[in-house]
Amino acid sequence: MADLASLLLEFPPQDVEQLTPEEYEARITAFVASLREYGPQRAAAVDAEQDLLKILDPSINSIAYLFVLSCRASRRTLKARLFDSTFWDRAAEFLRTFDPVQVRYAGTDLRNLLEVVASLAMQSQSPAAAVLPLRDAIFRLDPSSGTFTSNHVLFLQLCISSRCFNESLPILESVIHSFPTATPLQIDGPYPCSDHHDSSGYITLQSGLTAPITVSDVQDYYSMGALIYIGLHQWYEAAMFLEHVLATPSQGAVSGLMVEAYQRWVLISCIYYGEAKELSTKLYQPNLIRTLKACSKAYDHLAEVVQSRNASRLQAEILAGLQKWHEDGNLGLVQELKTSLPLFAVINLRCTYAALPITAVATLLNLTPDAATEFVEDVIEAGHINAVLEFPDAASSGPVLRFFHDTCGGPLVTTEDQLVAQLTQQTSRTVQIAKHVRAANHRIMLRNDYIDSQRRRAKQKQEEVPTAEVEMGWDPTAVPDEDIMVDS
């Protein structure tokens, strides 16, 4: 017990802040090797006699704390990993407070712990309990959450299972700027403990912080993210995530996830825009678009019906394809189309009228005046139209819907301070994305295949023999052409 306890407390040393990256690398590598040499079975036996975690601080002795937790998780495998509140509390505390630099040297153990925590939560039928611990771990390891890992997929699986949609937003709103490479490119330093400006410098397949990433993993992540945004009725964000699924490399083949994404994208476009937008051939291959449309004719036809604004025809089309919408898992979205149709009928009125009585709106929507008034009030409150309902003094007169055709007036008026705040926020986001783009370009330029392609291109230019030389110089002795515009 004393030998293992002293070993666990060896790192970090008291002068850890003064260590250079080379010295830190040597110390922590030797410490991890000593723990591996001691062995998890011997450590588990000692820990069973006396609680080793009581002498460790997860925020300071992170490697040692993770080692003991891994030993306990391994021992629990033999006992079918029955839920243990003590283990759970210790694991949750560790995931919330661990040293993000130390765990870069124990990536496989950290990833295994995340999987154990998720598995325990699922087995106990309380997946929501693991959502915050996993989210804390992802952000603690990578404050930007911008390097895609297998932990992102695991996290969204828990959020979908527990319907913790709002808790997933901080991860979903983070820009994915990098995917893990096999080995570190050593742009900011040769060691995991170096001061990396980009998390892709230490989150690699070699580090063990993530499992190998496939195209299916990326499609799963964005598909689940879209489902979460659908659940929150954030249609624009859901459409963006579905477009990410469609934009993943496919090598000419269309996966089932891409077909599902396209079908939902068509429905969400109708819900948000009132029509199905066309996929740009500048972003998507024409063959891909044709294949997706061939697999989704029923959805494209439904979009045409929505664009016609014919409510009775839409209802008939929905009933005719009820079984298909249900089998595809899109019945909820299809039913949402019936709600959006009167919304766009009201929105389109602003193109024709400056004001009109609510009775005219009620006739258009086939509603009673009171129901139409309530519906229009909800539309205005949601910010879909910049308008107000005016109630004249005359008792015989009903409410009047009055539109504002710019944001200088009405309930959607935008102040100068609001505009400045919006511009500042967007500028900050753009600058951040531009920084990641430059870093990505730098990484690409350091790849061997890029260097080889540049060498081949330079060699080809040297071997090219010019077929003709065109003189582009100016001869001062040449006689100029006659200027036909000069007066004679």
Protein backbone atom coordinates (compact mmCIF):
# COMPACT_ATOMS: atom_id res chain seq x y z
CA MET A 1 0.00 0.00 0.00
CA ALA A 2 2.74 2.49 0.95
CA ASP A 3 4.74 1.74 -2.21
CA LEU A 4 1.77 2.30 -4.52
CA ALA A 5 0.65 5.41 -2.63
CA SER A 6 4.09 7.00 -2.92
CA LEU A 7 4.19 6.06 -6.62
CA LEU A 8 0.79 7.67 -7.27
CA LEU A 9 1.92 10.90 -5.63
CA GLU A 10 5.16 11.19 -7.63
CA PHE A 11 3.54 13.31 -10.33
CA PRO A 12 3.16 16.20 -10.63
CA PRO A 13 6.30 17.40 -8.81
CA GLN A 14 6.14 20.59 -6.78
CA ASP A 15 8.15 22.50 -9.40
CA VAL A 16 5.90 21.44 -12.28
CA GLU A 17 5.24 25.07 -13.27
CA GLN A 18 8.96 25.62 -13.85
CA LEU A 19 9.45 22.55 -16.05
CA THR A 20 10.21 23.05 -19.73
CA PRO A 21 8.15 21.04 -22.24
CA GLU A 22 11.09 18.63 -22.65
CA GLU A 23 11.38 18.09 -18.89
CA TYR A 24 7.60 17.74 -18.47
CA GLU A 25 7.52 15.17 -21.29
CA ALA A 26 10.33 13.13 -19.71
CA ARG A 27 8.80 13.20 -16.20
CA ILE A 28 5.25 12.31 -17.16
CA THR A 29 6.30 9.64 -19.67
CA ALA A 30 8.41 7.94 -17.01
CA PHE A 31 5.54 8.22 -14.51
CA VAL A 32 3.02 6.62 -16.90
CA ALA A 33 5.52 3.84 -17.64
CA SER A 34 5.91 3.18 -13.90
CA LEU A 35 2.14 2.87 -13.48
CA ARG A 36 1.92 0.46 -16.40
CA GLU A 37 4.74 -1.58 -14.95
CA TYR A 38 3.04 -1.78 -11.56
CA GLY A 39 0.01 -3.22 -13.32
CA PRO A 40 -3.72 -2.66 -12.92
CA GLN A 41 -4.35 -6.01 -11.22
CA ARG A 42 -1.89 -5.33 -8.39
CA ALA A 43 -3.23 -1.79 -8.05
CA ALA A 44 -6.83 -3.04 -7.96
CA ALA A 45 -5.95 -5.46 -5.18
CA VAL A 46 -4.40 -2.67 -3.10
CA ASP A 47 -7.31 -0.32 -3.83
CA ALA A 48 -9.79 -2.99 -2.71
CA GLU A 49 -8.17 -2.98 0.75
CA GLN A 50 -7.99 0.78 1.13
CA ASP A 51 -9.51 3.60 -0.92
CA LEU A 52 -6.59 5.04 -2.90
CA LEU A 53 -8.67 7.89 -4.30
CA LYS A 54 -8.85 9.48 -0.82
CA ILE A 55 -5.20 10.49 -1.04
CA LEU A 56 -5.47 11.89 -4.58
CA ASP A 57 -6.83 15.15 -5.95
CA PRO A 58 -8.40 14.67 -9.42
CA SER A 59 -7.45 18.18 -10.51
CA ILE A 60 -3.80 17.75 -9.47
CA ASN A 61 -3.03 14.01 -9.58
CA SER A 62 -5.09 13.47 -12.72
CA ILE A 63 -3.01 10.66 -14.24
CA ALA A 64 -2.90 8.72 -10.96
CA TYR A 65 -6.60 9.32 -10.30
CA LEU A 66 -7.51 8.11 -13.79
CA PHE A 67 -5.29 5.04 -13.31
CA VAL A 68 -7.15 4.02 -10.15
CA LEU A 69 -10.54 4.69 -11.75
CA SER A 70 -9.52 2.54 -14.72
CA CYS A 71 -8.52 -0.25 -12.35
CA ARG A 72 -11.92 -0.06 -10.66
CA ALA A 73 -13.72 -0.02 -14.01
CA SER A 74 -11.74 -3.08 -15.13
CA ARG A 75 -12.60 -4.89 -11.90
CA ARG A 76 -16.25 -3.99 -12.34
CA THR A 77 -16.26 -5.60 -15.79
CA LEU A 78 -16.08 -8.99 -14.12
CA LYS A 79 -19.13 -8.08 -12.02
CA ALA A 80 -21.24 -6.95 -15.00
CA ARG A 81 -20.58 -3.31 -14.03
CA LEU A 82 -23.47 -2.96 -11.64
CA PHE A 83 -24.23 0.67 -10.86
CA ASP A 84 -22.12 1.92 -7.96
CA SER A 85 -22.90 5.42 -6.72
CA THR A 86 -19.43 5.81 -5.18
CA PHE A 87 -17.66 4.98 -8.45
CA TRP A 88 -20.08 7.22 -10.35
CA ASP A 89 -19.52 10.22 -8.08
CA ARG A 90 -15.74 9.86 -8.27
CA ALA A 91 -15.82 9.49 -12.05
CA ALA A 92 -18.11 12.51 -12.47
CA GLU A 93 -15.88 14.63 -10.25
CA PHE A 94 -12.82 13.60 -12.24
CA LEU A 95 -14.43 14.38 -15.61
CA ARG A 96 -15.33 17.82 -14.31
CA THR A 97 -11.94 18.77 -12.84
CA PHE A 98 -9.09 16.78 -14.46
CA ASP A 99 -5.88 18.45 -15.66
CA PRO A 100 -6.35 18.70 -19.46
CA VAL A 101 -2.61 18.52 -20.15
CA GLN A 102 -1.91 15.41 -18.06
CA VAL A 103 -4.68 13.33 -19.66
CA ARG A 104 -3.14 13.87 -23.09
CA TYR A 105 -0.71 11.14 -21.98
CA ALA A 106 -3.50 8.73 -20.98
CA GLY A 107 -5.93 9.20 -23.84
CA THR A 108 -7.04 5.57 -24.10
CA ASP A 109 -7.82 5.40 -20.37
CA LEU A 110 -9.84 8.63 -20.56
CA ARG A 111 -11.82 7.43 -23.57
CA ASN A 112 -12.49 4.08 -21.91
CA LEU A 113 -13.72 5.88 -18.79
CA LEU A 114 -16.14 7.96 -20.87
CA GLU A 115 -17.48 4.79 -22.48
CA VAL A 116 -17.87 3.12 -19.05
CA VAL A 117 -19.77 6.13 -17.70
CA ALA A 118 -22.06 6.15 -20.74
CA SER A 119 -22.58 2.39 -20.48
CA LEU A 120 -23.47 2.57 -16.78
CA ALA A 121 -25.98 5.33 -17.45
CA MET A 122 -27.63 3.37 -20.25
CA GLN A 123 -27.73 0.15 -18.21
CA SER A 124 -29.37 1.95 -15.31
CA GLN A 125 -31.89 3.46 -17.76
CA SER A 126 -30.85 6.98 -16.83
CA PRO A 127 -28.77 8.21 -19.81
CA ALA A 128 -29.39 11.82 -18.78
CA ALA A 129 -27.07 11.34 -15.81
CA ALA A 130 -24.06 10.94 -18.13
CA VAL A 131 -24.79 13.91 -20.39
CA LEU A 132 -23.17 16.66 -18.30
CA PRO A 133 -20.11 14.59 -17.24
CA LEU A 134 -19.34 13.80 -20.88
CA ARG A 135 -19.91 17.37 -21.96
CA ASP A 136 -17.62 18.63 -19.19
CA ALA A 137 -14.92 16.19 -20.29
CA ILE A 138 -15.13 17.18 -23.97
CA PHE A 139 -14.80 20.90 -23.20
CA ARG A 140 -12.11 20.37 -20.56
CA LEU A 141 -9.99 18.42 -23.00
CA ASP A 142 -10.67 20.81 -25.88
CA PRO A 143 -12.21 24.19 -24.92
CA SER A 144 -13.21 24.79 -28.55
CA SER A 145 -14.67 21.30 -29.01
CA GLY A 146 -13.54 21.84 -32.59
CA THR A 147 -11.55 18.66 -33.22
CA PHE A 148 -14.03 15.92 -34.04
CA THR A 149 -13.72 12.80 -31.88
CA SER A 150 -15.64 9.60 -31.23
CA ASN A 151 -16.64 11.19 -27.92
CA HIS A 152 -18.79 13.68 -29.84
CA VAL A 153 -20.82 10.83 -31.33
CA LEU A 154 -21.15 9.09 -27.95
CA PHE A 155 -22.31 12.34 -26.35
CA LEU A 156 -25.07 12.93 -28.91
CA GLN A 157 -26.24 9.33 -28.57
CA LEU A 158 -26.80 9.99 -24.88
CA CYS A 159 -28.58 13.28 -25.60
CA ILE A 160 -30.91 11.60 -28.10
CA SER A 161 -31.64 8.71 -25.71
CA SER A 162 -32.40 11.05 -22.80
CA ARG A 163 -33.96 13.87 -24.87
CA CYS A 164 -31.51 16.31 -23.28
CA PHE A 165 -31.67 18.60 -26.29
CA ASN A 166 -30.79 21.91 -24.66
CA GLU A 167 -27.80 20.37 -22.88
CA SER A 168 -26.33 19.36 -26.24
CA LEU A 169 -26.38 22.86 -27.75
CA PRO A 170 -22.95 24.03 -26.48
CA ILE A 171 -21.36 21.11 -28.35
CA LEU A 172 -23.51 21.47 -31.47
CA GLU A 173 -22.85 25.20 -31.68
CA SER A 174 -19.08 24.65 -31.65
CA VAL A 175 -17.51 24.77 -35.10
CA ILE A 176 -15.87 21.49 -36.12
CA HIS A 177 -12.64 22.72 -37.64
CA SER A 178 -10.43 19.61 -37.61
CA PHE A 179 -10.48 15.85 -37.83
CA PRO A 180 -7.87 13.79 -35.96
CA THR A 181 -4.81 12.77 -37.92
CA ALA A 182 -2.97 9.50 -37.36
CA THR A 183 0.06 11.18 -35.82
CA PRO A 184 0.67 14.77 -34.59
CA LEU A 185 1.98 17.21 -37.19
CA GLN A 186 4.08 19.01 -34.54
CA ILE A 187 3.23 22.50 -35.77
CA ASP A 188 3.28 24.16 -32.34
CA GLY A 189 5.66 21.72 -30.67
CA PRO A 190 6.78 18.08 -30.70
CA TYR A 191 5.09 17.07 -27.41
CA PRO A 192 1.49 16.70 -26.29
CA CYS A 193 2.25 19.12 -23.43
CA SER A 194 3.43 21.84 -25.84
CA ASP A 195 1.41 25.04 -26.07
CA HIS A 196 -0.82 24.02 -28.98
CA HIS A 197 -2.91 26.76 -30.54
CA ASP A 198 -5.13 24.14 -32.15
CA SER A 199 -6.53 21.08 -30.39
CA SER A 200 -5.77 18.93 -33.44
CA GLY A 201 -2.12 19.19 -32.38
CA TYR A 202 -2.66 16.75 -29.50
CA ILE A 203 -5.97 15.01 -30.32
CA THR A 204 -4.76 12.36 -32.74
CA LEU A 205 -5.40 8.66 -33.29
CA GLN A 206 -2.01 7.98 -31.73
CA SER A 207 -3.02 9.79 -28.53
CA GLY A 208 -5.94 7.43 -27.90
CA LEU A 209 -8.19 10.38 -27.07
CA THR A 210 -10.45 9.30 -29.92
CA ALA A 211 -11.27 6.10 -31.75
CA PRO A 212 -10.70 6.00 -35.52
CA ILE A 213 -13.17 8.26 -37.34
CA THR A 214 -15.12 7.08 -40.38
CA VAL A 215 -17.42 8.90 -42.80
CA SER A 216 -20.35 7.12 -41.12
CA ASP A 217 -19.34 8.63 -37.77
CA VAL A 218 -19.42 12.13 -39.25
CA GLN A 219 -22.79 11.49 -40.91
CA ASP A 220 -24.16 10.04 -37.65
CA TYR A 221 -23.04 13.11 -35.71
CA TYR A 222 -24.67 15.61 -38.04
CA SER A 223 -27.79 13.46 -38.45
CA MET A 224 -28.25 13.27 -34.68
CA GLY A 225 -27.55 16.98 -34.37
CA ALA A 226 -30.26 17.66 -36.94
CA LEU A 227 -32.71 15.51 -34.96
CA ILE A 228 -31.96 17.54 -31.84
CA TYR A 229 -32.54 20.82 -33.66
CA ILE A 230 -35.78 19.39 -35.09
CA GLY A 231 -36.88 18.54 -31.56
CA LEU A 232 -36.21 22.15 -30.57
CA HIS A 233 -37.97 23.49 -33.70
CA GLN A 234 -34.77 25.27 -34.74
CA TRP A 235 -35.37 24.64 -38.41
CA TYR A 236 -32.53 26.68 -39.91
CA GLU A 237 -29.88 24.92 -37.81
CA ALA A 238 -31.45 21.52 -38.57
CA ALA A 239 -31.27 22.23 -42.31
CA MET A 240 -27.60 23.24 -41.99
CA PHE A 241 -26.70 20.00 -40.22
CA LEU A 242 -28.53 17.94 -42.83
CA GLU A 243 -26.58 19.74 -45.55
CA HIS A 244 -23.38 18.71 -43.76
CA VAL A 245 -24.52 15.09 -44.11
CA LEU A 246 -25.11 15.58 -47.83
CA ALA A 247 -21.71 17.26 -48.25
CA THR A 248 -19.66 14.42 -46.75
CA PRO A 249 -17.33 12.62 -49.20
CA SER A 250 -19.23 9.80 -50.89
CA GLN A 251 -17.03 8.76 -53.86
CA GLY A 252 -20.12 8.63 -56.04
CA ALA A 253 -22.09 6.33 -53.71
CA VAL A 254 -25.14 7.51 -51.79
CA SER A 255 -25.61 6.10 -48.28
CA GLY A 256 -28.89 5.50 -46.50
CA LEU A 257 -28.09 8.34 -44.10
CA MET A 258 -27.72 10.73 -47.02
CA VAL A 259 -31.11 9.72 -48.44
CA GLU A 260 -32.73 10.21 -45.03
CA ALA A 261 -30.96 13.56 -44.69
CA TYR A 262 -32.21 14.75 -48.08
CA GLN A 263 -35.81 13.73 -47.37
CA ARG A 264 -35.78 15.56 -44.04
CA TRP A 265 -34.03 18.52 -45.63
CA VAL A 266 -36.87 18.84 -48.16
CA LEU A 267 -39.48 18.78 -45.39
CA ILE A 268 -37.60 21.26 -43.20
CA SER A 269 -37.11 23.62 -46.15
CA CYS A 270 -40.87 23.60 -46.67
CA ILE A 271 -41.47 24.24 -42.97
CA TYR A 272 -38.91 27.07 -42.70
CA TYR A 273 -38.97 28.67 -46.17
CA GLY A 274 -42.37 27.55 -47.45
CA GLU A 275 -40.73 25.78 -50.37
CA ALA A 276 -38.00 23.25 -51.09
CA LYS A 277 -34.72 24.97 -51.95
CA GLU A 278 -32.54 23.59 -54.73
CA LEU A 279 -29.19 22.04 -53.89
CA SER A 280 -26.38 24.02 -55.48
CA THR A 281 -24.38 22.14 -58.10
CA LYS A 282 -21.37 24.18 -56.97
CA LEU A 283 -21.42 22.36 -53.62
CA TYR A 284 -22.91 19.00 -54.55
CA GLN A 285 -22.20 16.71 -57.47
CA PRO A 286 -24.98 16.60 -60.09
CA ASN A 287 -24.99 12.79 -60.01
CA LEU A 288 -25.52 12.91 -56.24
CA ILE A 289 -28.46 15.28 -56.60
CA ARG A 290 -30.07 13.13 -59.29
CA THR A 291 -29.71 9.98 -57.18
CA LEU A 292 -31.17 11.65 -54.10
CA LYS A 293 -34.13 12.97 -56.08
CA ALA A 294 -34.74 9.56 -57.64
CA CYS A 295 -34.94 8.05 -54.14
CA SER A 296 -37.19 10.82 -52.79
CA LYS A 297 -39.81 11.50 -55.46
CA ALA A 298 -42.65 11.38 -52.94
CA TYR A 299 -41.01 14.12 -50.87
CA ASP A 300 -40.30 16.36 -53.86
CA HIS A 301 -43.93 15.98 -54.93
CA LEU A 302 -45.08 16.88 -51.41
CA ALA A 303 -42.91 20.01 -51.60
CA GLU A 304 -44.66 21.03 -54.82
CA VAL A 305 -48.02 20.67 -53.08
CA VAL A 306 -46.83 22.84 -50.19
CA GLN A 307 -45.69 25.52 -52.62
CA SER A 308 -49.17 25.58 -54.19
CA ARG A 309 -50.60 26.63 -50.77
CA ASN A 310 -53.59 24.32 -51.30
CA ALA A 311 -54.50 23.04 -47.82
CA SER A 312 -57.04 20.43 -48.93
CA ARG A 313 -54.66 18.99 -51.51
CA LEU A 314 -51.86 18.87 -48.94
CA GLN A 315 -54.11 17.00 -46.50
CA ALA A 316 -54.99 14.48 -49.22
CA GLU A 317 -51.32 13.91 -50.10
CA ILE A 318 -50.40 13.40 -46.44
CA LEU A 319 -53.16 10.83 -45.96
CA ALA A 320 -52.24 9.03 -49.19
CA GLY A 321 -48.62 8.53 -48.10
CA LEU A 322 -49.27 8.06 -44.39
CA GLN A 323 -47.64 4.62 -44.25
CA LYS A 324 -44.52 5.81 -46.08
CA TRP A 325 -44.04 8.85 -43.85
CA HIS A 326 -44.38 6.58 -40.81
CA GLU A 327 -41.92 3.96 -42.12
CA ASP A 328 -39.37 6.65 -42.95
CA GLY A 329 -39.69 8.15 -39.46
CA ASN A 330 -40.78 11.49 -40.87
CA LEU A 331 -44.47 11.53 -39.94
CA GLY A 332 -43.95 14.26 -37.34
CA LEU A 333 -42.27 16.56 -39.88
CA VAL A 334 -44.97 15.88 -42.46
CA GLN A 335 -47.66 16.76 -39.93
CA GLU A 336 -45.74 19.98 -39.21
CA LEU A 337 -46.35 21.01 -42.82
CA LYS A 338 -50.06 21.45 -42.05
CA THR A 339 -49.13 23.94 -39.32
CA SER A 340 -46.72 25.88 -41.50
CA LEU A 341 -49.09 26.27 -44.45
CA PRO A 342 -51.38 28.91 -42.83
CA LEU A 343 -48.26 30.62 -41.45
CA PHE A 344 -46.90 31.26 -44.94
CA ALA A 345 -50.34 32.29 -46.13
CA VAL A 346 -50.22 35.11 -43.56
CA ILE A 347 -46.58 35.94 -44.36
CA ASN A 348 -47.41 36.27 -48.08
CA LEU A 349 -50.08 38.86 -47.31
CA ARG A 350 -47.40 41.46 -46.57
CA CYS A 351 -46.40 41.39 -50.25
CA THR A 352 -49.86 42.61 -51.25
CA TYR A 353 -51.34 44.56 -48.36
CA ALA A 354 -50.25 47.32 -46.02
CA ALA A 355 -53.24 46.57 -43.79
CA LEU A 356 -56.36 44.42 -43.89
CA PRO A 357 -59.14 43.44 -41.50
CA ILE A 358 -58.82 40.25 -39.53
CA THR A 359 -62.05 39.03 -41.09
CA ALA A 360 -60.26 38.83 -44.44
CA VAL A 361 -57.50 36.79 -42.82
CA ALA A 362 -60.11 34.51 -41.23
CA THR A 363 -61.70 33.90 -44.62
CA LEU A 364 -58.33 33.09 -46.17
CA LEU A 365 -57.44 30.62 -43.41
CA ASN A 366 -60.96 29.20 -43.12
CA LEU A 367 -61.11 30.14 -39.43
CA THR A 368 -63.43 32.11 -37.20
CA PRO A 369 -62.41 35.74 -36.56
CA ASP A 370 -61.50 34.94 -32.96
CA ALA A 371 -59.37 31.95 -33.97
CA ALA A 372 -57.71 33.98 -36.73
CA THR A 373 -56.92 36.77 -34.25
CA GLU A 374 -55.31 34.31 -31.84
CA PHE A 375 -53.31 32.71 -34.67
CA VAL A 376 -52.03 36.05 -35.98
CA GLU A 377 -51.05 37.13 -32.47
CA ASP A 378 -48.94 33.97 -32.12
CA VAL A 379 -47.31 34.63 -35.51
CA ILE A 380 -46.43 38.19 -34.51
CA GLU A 381 -45.13 37.12 -31.11
CA ALA A 382 -42.88 34.50 -32.73
CA GLY A 383 -41.36 37.21 -34.93
CA HIS A 384 -42.44 35.73 -38.26
CA ILE A 385 -43.90 39.04 -39.46
CA ASN A 386 -43.26 42.65 -38.57
CA ALA A 387 -46.85 43.68 -37.90
CA VAL A 388 -49.31 44.70 -35.23
CA LEU A 389 -53.00 44.10 -34.58
CA GLU A 390 -54.90 47.34 -34.19
CA PHE A 391 -58.23 47.39 -32.37
CA PRO A 392 -60.42 50.32 -33.51
CA ASP A 393 -62.62 52.11 -31.02
CA ALA A 394 -65.79 51.33 -32.94
CA ALA A 395 -67.44 48.28 -31.43
CA SER A 396 -68.66 47.10 -34.82
CA SER A 397 -65.18 47.07 -36.32
CA GLY A 398 -62.90 44.08 -35.88
CA PRO A 399 -59.10 44.08 -35.46
CA VAL A 400 -56.92 45.24 -38.32
CA LEU A 401 -53.61 43.61 -39.24
CA ARG A 402 -51.08 46.30 -40.17
CA PHE A 403 -47.69 45.42 -41.69
CA PHE A 404 -44.38 47.28 -41.40
CA HIS A 405 -42.26 46.78 -44.50
CA ASP A 406 -38.91 47.61 -42.87
CA THR A 407 -37.28 47.27 -39.45
CA CYS A 408 -37.41 51.00 -38.75
CA GLY A 409 -40.77 50.52 -37.10
CA GLY A 410 -43.02 47.85 -35.68
CA PRO A 411 -42.27 45.17 -33.07
CA LEU A 412 -39.18 43.98 -34.95
CA VAL A 413 -37.49 47.37 -34.94
CA THR A 414 -33.72 47.05 -34.60
CA THR A 415 -31.79 49.63 -32.58
CA GLU A 416 -28.27 50.74 -33.37
CA ASP A 417 -26.93 49.00 -30.26
CA GLN A 418 -28.54 45.73 -31.35
CA LEU A 419 -27.01 46.04 -34.82
CA VAL A 420 -23.58 46.71 -33.34
CA ALA A 421 -23.91 43.69 -31.02
CA GLN A 422 -24.94 41.46 -33.94
CA LEU A 423 -22.07 42.68 -36.11
CA THR A 424 -19.57 42.24 -33.29
CA GLN A 425 -20.74 38.70 -32.62
CA GLN A 426 -20.63 37.76 -36.30
CA THR A 427 -17.22 39.37 -36.77
CA SER A 428 -15.81 37.43 -33.81
CA ARG A 429 -17.17 34.18 -35.20
CA THR A 430 -15.80 34.92 -38.68
CA VAL A 431 -12.35 35.76 -37.31
CA GLN A 432 -12.34 32.52 -35.32
CA ILE A 433 -13.31 30.46 -38.37
CA ALA A 434 -10.69 32.23 -40.49
CA LYS A 435 -8.05 31.32 -37.92
CA HIS A 436 -9.04 27.65 -38.12
CA VAL A 437 -9.01 27.79 -41.93
CA ARG A 438 -5.45 29.15 -41.93
CA ALA A 439 -4.41 26.42 -39.49
CA ALA A 440 -6.03 23.77 -41.70
CA ASN A 441 -4.21 25.13 -44.77
CA HIS A 442 -0.95 25.01 -42.84
CA ARG A 443 -1.53 21.38 -41.86
CA ILE A 444 -2.32 20.44 -45.45
CA MET A 445 0.89 22.05 -46.68
CA LEU A 446 2.89 19.87 -44.25
CA ARG A 447 1.41 16.59 -45.48
CA ASN A 448 3.67 14.33 -47.51
CA ASP A 449 1.09 13.81 -50.25
CA TYR A 450 0.75 17.59 -50.69
CA ILE A 451 4.52 18.04 -50.86
CA ASP A 452 4.81 15.20 -53.40
CA SER A 453 2.06 16.71 -55.56
CA GLN A 454 3.84 20.07 -55.54
CA ARG A 455 7.09 18.39 -56.58
CA ARG A 456 5.36 16.59 -59.45
CA ARG A 457 3.70 19.80 -60.57
CA ALA A 458 7.01 21.69 -60.54
CA LYS A 459 8.68 18.87 -62.47
CA GLN A 460 5.93 18.88 -65.09
CA LYS A 461 6.35 22.62 -65.60
CA GLN A 462 10.09 22.19 -66.14
CA GLU A 463 9.53 19.44 -68.69
CA GLU A 464 6.99 21.40 -70.71
CA VAL A 465 8.35 22.65 -74.05
CA PRO A 466 6.71 25.86 -75.26
CA THR A 467 5.13 25.48 -78.72
CA ALA A 468 5.18 29.17 -79.50
CA GLU A 469 6.43 32.32 -77.93
CA VAL A 470 4.27 35.39 -77.99
CA GLU A 471 6.04 38.70 -77.50
CA MET A 472 4.18 40.87 -75.06
CA GLY A 473 6.74 43.72 -74.94
CA TRP A 474 6.51 47.25 -76.34
CA ASP A 475 8.65 48.33 -79.28
CA PRO A 476 9.36 52.08 -79.10
CA THR A 477 10.50 52.15 -82.76
CA ALA A 478 7.28 50.71 -84.10
CA VAL A 479 5.02 53.02 -86.09
CA PRO A 480 1.73 53.48 -84.24
CA ASP A 481 -1.54 52.65 -85.91
CA GLU A 482 -3.54 55.53 -87.29
CA ASP A 483 -5.98 56.96 -84.79
CA ILE A 484 -9.27 57.06 -86.64
CA MET A 485 -10.77 59.31 -83.99
CA VAL A 486 -8.35 62.20 -84.75
CA ASP A 487 -9.97 65.06 -86.63
CA SER A 488 -8.53 65.56 -90.09
